Amino acid sequence: MPIPKTRAELLDGMQTAYDKLQDDLARVDARTSKLICVDDWRIVDLLVVRTRWAEMVVEWIEAGRRGEVPETPAPGYKWKETPRLNRDIIAAAPKRRAWKATKEAFVASHDAVLEAVDGLSKRELERVGVFEWADKWPVLRWISISTTTGYVSARKYIRKVLREQER
């Protein structure tokens, strides 16, 4: 999936991936959400991770707009440690999380990203160097990777489980 270069491309790709994922999530009930979908992650764990990445990109944007440089991807983690970060995100989530509440948190995180994108100027969104934390990439790249790319991969894993359930 190509990295978007404009607000329109970002929003179109993100919304398309989100809508397709939501269609598949509508087919997942509380029981199915507990099934393993990738490695040792359950569907509910996968959605918790995708939610947290969307929340983190919003936090990075907000910090950048305040003139701060957040520690990315998260305090105490380097980019090569994202598998550990993802495991820790799952471990930090409530053990008995309700599927409905997990889906609602995912929707809220997506809405928060859309609101953050809406609040960014064309320059802030598309230019390199506006936010120090974004390094040599425009912010829209980080948004796309933290949402669209994650939505697409989540859908792949969830659809695999759904296909197995249909057999």
Protein backbone atom coordinates (compact mmCIF):
# COMPACT_ATOMS: atom_id res chain seq x y z
CA MET A 1 0.00 0.00 0.00
CA PRO A 2 1.57 3.29 -1.07
CA ILE A 3 2.19 6.00 1.49
CA PRO A 4 -0.15 8.93 0.84
CA LYS A 5 1.25 12.28 -0.23
CA THR A 6 -1.82 14.48 0.37
CA ARG A 7 -4.57 14.93 2.96
CA ALA A 8 -7.11 13.55 0.48
CA GLU A 9 -5.05 10.42 -0.17
CA LEU A 10 -4.50 9.91 3.55
CA LEU A 11 -8.16 10.29 4.45
CA ASP A 12 -9.37 8.17 1.55
CA GLY A 13 -6.99 5.32 2.32
CA MET A 14 -7.59 5.48 6.04
CA GLN A 15 -11.39 5.58 5.72
CA THR A 16 -11.49 2.78 3.14
CA ALA A 17 -9.33 0.51 5.31
CA TYR A 18 -11.33 1.43 8.43
CA ASP A 19 -14.69 0.76 6.76
CA LYS A 20 -13.56 -2.65 5.49
CA LEU A 21 -12.20 -3.55 8.91
CA GLN A 22 -15.44 -2.44 10.56
CA ASP A 23 -17.40 -4.69 8.17
CA ASP A 24 -15.33 -7.64 9.36
CA LEU A 25 -15.50 -6.61 13.02
CA ALA A 26 -19.30 -6.61 12.73
CA ARG A 27 -19.02 -10.36 12.12
CA VAL A 28 -16.95 -10.91 15.29
CA ASP A 29 -18.88 -11.66 18.47
CA ALA A 30 -17.53 -11.78 22.02
CA ARG A 31 -16.69 -15.49 21.76
CA THR A 32 -14.92 -15.12 18.42
CA SER A 33 -12.96 -12.12 19.74
CA LYS A 34 -11.14 -14.51 22.10
CA LEU A 35 -9.79 -16.66 19.25
CA ILE A 36 -6.12 -16.51 18.31
CA CYS A 37 -5.57 -14.62 15.07
CA VAL A 38 -1.80 -14.03 14.85
CA ASP A 39 1.04 -15.42 16.94
CA ASP A 40 -0.45 -15.63 20.45
CA TRP A 41 -2.75 -12.63 20.00
CA ARG A 42 -6.49 -12.94 20.18
CA ILE A 43 -8.67 -10.75 17.99
CA VAL A 44 -9.43 -8.58 21.02
CA ASP A 45 -5.69 -8.14 21.63
CA LEU A 46 -5.12 -7.16 18.03
CA LEU A 47 -7.80 -4.49 18.26
CA VAL A 48 -6.34 -3.19 21.53
CA VAL A 49 -2.96 -2.78 19.83
CA ARG A 50 -4.44 -1.04 16.78
CA THR A 51 -6.38 1.28 19.07
CA ARG A 52 -3.29 2.20 21.06
CA TRP A 53 -1.23 2.97 17.94
CA ALA A 54 -3.93 5.35 16.73
CA GLU A 55 -3.98 6.99 20.17
CA MET A 56 -0.19 7.29 20.18
CA VAL A 57 -0.04 9.06 16.82
CA VAL A 58 -2.60 11.57 18.12
CA GLU A 59 -0.46 12.05 21.25
CA TRP A 60 2.64 12.66 19.08
CA ILE A 61 0.78 15.24 17.00
CA GLU A 62 -0.57 17.03 20.08
CA ALA A 63 2.89 17.10 21.66
CA GLY A 64 4.41 18.44 18.44
CA ARG A 65 1.83 21.19 18.25
CA ARG A 66 2.79 22.20 21.81
CA GLY A 67 6.41 22.39 20.68
CA GLU A 68 7.40 19.21 22.49
CA VAL A 69 9.29 16.26 21.08
CA PRO A 70 7.63 13.08 22.33
CA GLU A 71 9.65 9.93 22.76
CA THR A 72 8.53 7.71 19.90
CA PRO A 73 7.20 5.15 19.58
CA ALA A 74 6.64 5.35 23.35
CA PRO A 75 8.69 6.27 26.40
CA GLY A 76 11.27 3.56 27.05
CA TYR A 77 10.98 1.94 23.61
CA LYS A 78 13.04 2.19 20.45
CA TRP A 79 11.50 1.57 17.03
CA LYS A 80 13.19 -1.81 16.78
CA GLU A 81 11.37 -2.77 19.99
CA THR A 82 7.82 -2.46 18.64
CA PRO A 83 7.12 -6.18 19.24
CA ARG A 84 7.88 -5.64 22.94
CA LEU A 85 5.79 -2.46 22.94
CA ASN A 86 2.86 -4.32 21.40
CA ARG A 87 3.16 -7.11 24.00
CA ASP A 88 3.23 -4.49 26.75
CA ILE A 89 0.16 -2.76 25.30
CA ILE A 90 -1.71 -6.05 25.50
CA ALA A 91 -0.42 -6.75 29.01
CA ALA A 92 -1.50 -3.28 30.21
CA ALA A 93 -5.05 -3.69 28.92
CA PRO A 94 -7.68 -4.90 31.38
CA LYS A 95 -7.66 -8.70 31.49
CA ARG A 96 -11.42 -9.02 31.29
CA ARG A 97 -12.10 -6.43 28.65
CA ALA A 98 -15.49 -6.54 27.06
CA TRP A 99 -15.57 -6.92 23.29
CA LYS A 100 -18.12 -4.14 22.90
CA ALA A 101 -15.98 -1.71 24.93
CA THR A 102 -12.89 -2.69 22.94
CA LYS A 103 -14.68 -1.94 19.66
CA GLU A 104 -15.96 1.38 21.05
CA ALA A 105 -12.41 2.36 22.06
CA PHE A 106 -11.23 1.50 18.55
CA VAL A 107 -13.91 3.73 16.99
CA ALA A 108 -12.99 6.55 19.38
CA SER A 109 -9.30 6.24 18.46
CA HIS A 110 -10.11 6.42 14.75
CA ASP A 111 -12.32 9.46 15.32
CA ALA A 112 -9.53 11.11 17.33
CA VAL A 113 -7.10 10.62 14.43
CA LEU A 114 -9.60 12.14 12.00
CA GLU A 115 -10.01 15.12 14.32
CA ALA A 116 -6.24 15.50 14.62
CA VAL A 117 -5.84 15.40 10.83
CA ASP A 118 -8.60 17.99 10.47
CA GLY A 119 -6.72 20.26 12.88
CA LEU A 120 -3.46 20.11 10.94
CA SER A 121 -2.63 22.59 8.22
CA LYS A 122 -1.48 21.35 4.83
CA ARG A 123 2.06 22.35 5.82
CA GLU A 124 1.92 20.50 9.16
CA LEU A 125 0.52 17.40 7.52
CA GLU A 126 2.50 17.17 4.31
CA ARG A 127 5.87 18.88 4.88
CA VAL A 128 8.97 17.23 6.27
CA GLY A 129 10.57 18.88 9.30
CA VAL A 130 7.51 20.58 10.77
CA PHE A 131 7.53 18.31 13.82
CA GLU A 132 10.92 17.21 15.09
CA TRP A 133 9.57 13.85 16.23
CA ALA A 134 8.54 12.98 12.65
CA ASP A 135 12.21 13.03 11.61
CA LYS A 136 12.67 12.93 7.84
CA TRP A 137 9.05 12.07 7.01
CA PRO A 138 5.86 14.12 6.77
CA VAL A 139 3.37 13.57 9.58
CA LEU A 140 0.85 12.03 7.20
CA ARG A 141 3.25 9.11 6.73
CA TRP A 142 3.24 8.42 10.47
CA ILE A 143 -0.54 8.70 10.57
CA SER A 144 -0.92 6.29 7.67
CA ILE A 145 1.45 3.74 9.17
CA SER A 146 -0.22 3.97 12.60
CA THR A 147 -3.74 3.60 11.19
CA THR A 148 -4.27 2.52 7.59
CA THR A 149 -1.45 -0.02 7.49
CA GLY A 150 -2.54 -1.43 10.85
CA TYR A 151 -6.18 -1.61 9.78
CA VAL A 152 -5.25 -3.54 6.63
CA SER A 153 -3.12 -6.06 8.49
CA ALA A 154 -5.73 -6.48 11.25
CA ARG A 155 -8.35 -7.22 8.64
CA LYS A 156 -6.16 -9.92 7.10
CA TYR A 157 -5.77 -11.73 10.42
CA ILE A 158 -9.42 -11.36 11.41
CA ARG A 159 -10.66 -12.58 8.04
CA LYS A 160 -8.51 -15.70 8.43
CA VAL A 161 -10.24 -16.50 11.72
CA LEU A 162 -13.66 -15.78 10.24
CA ARG A 163 -12.98 -18.10 7.29
CA GLU A 164 -11.90 -20.87 9.67
CA GLN A 165 -15.10 -20.37 11.68
CA GLU A 166 -17.21 -20.75 8.55
CA ARG A 167 -15.79 -24.19 7.79
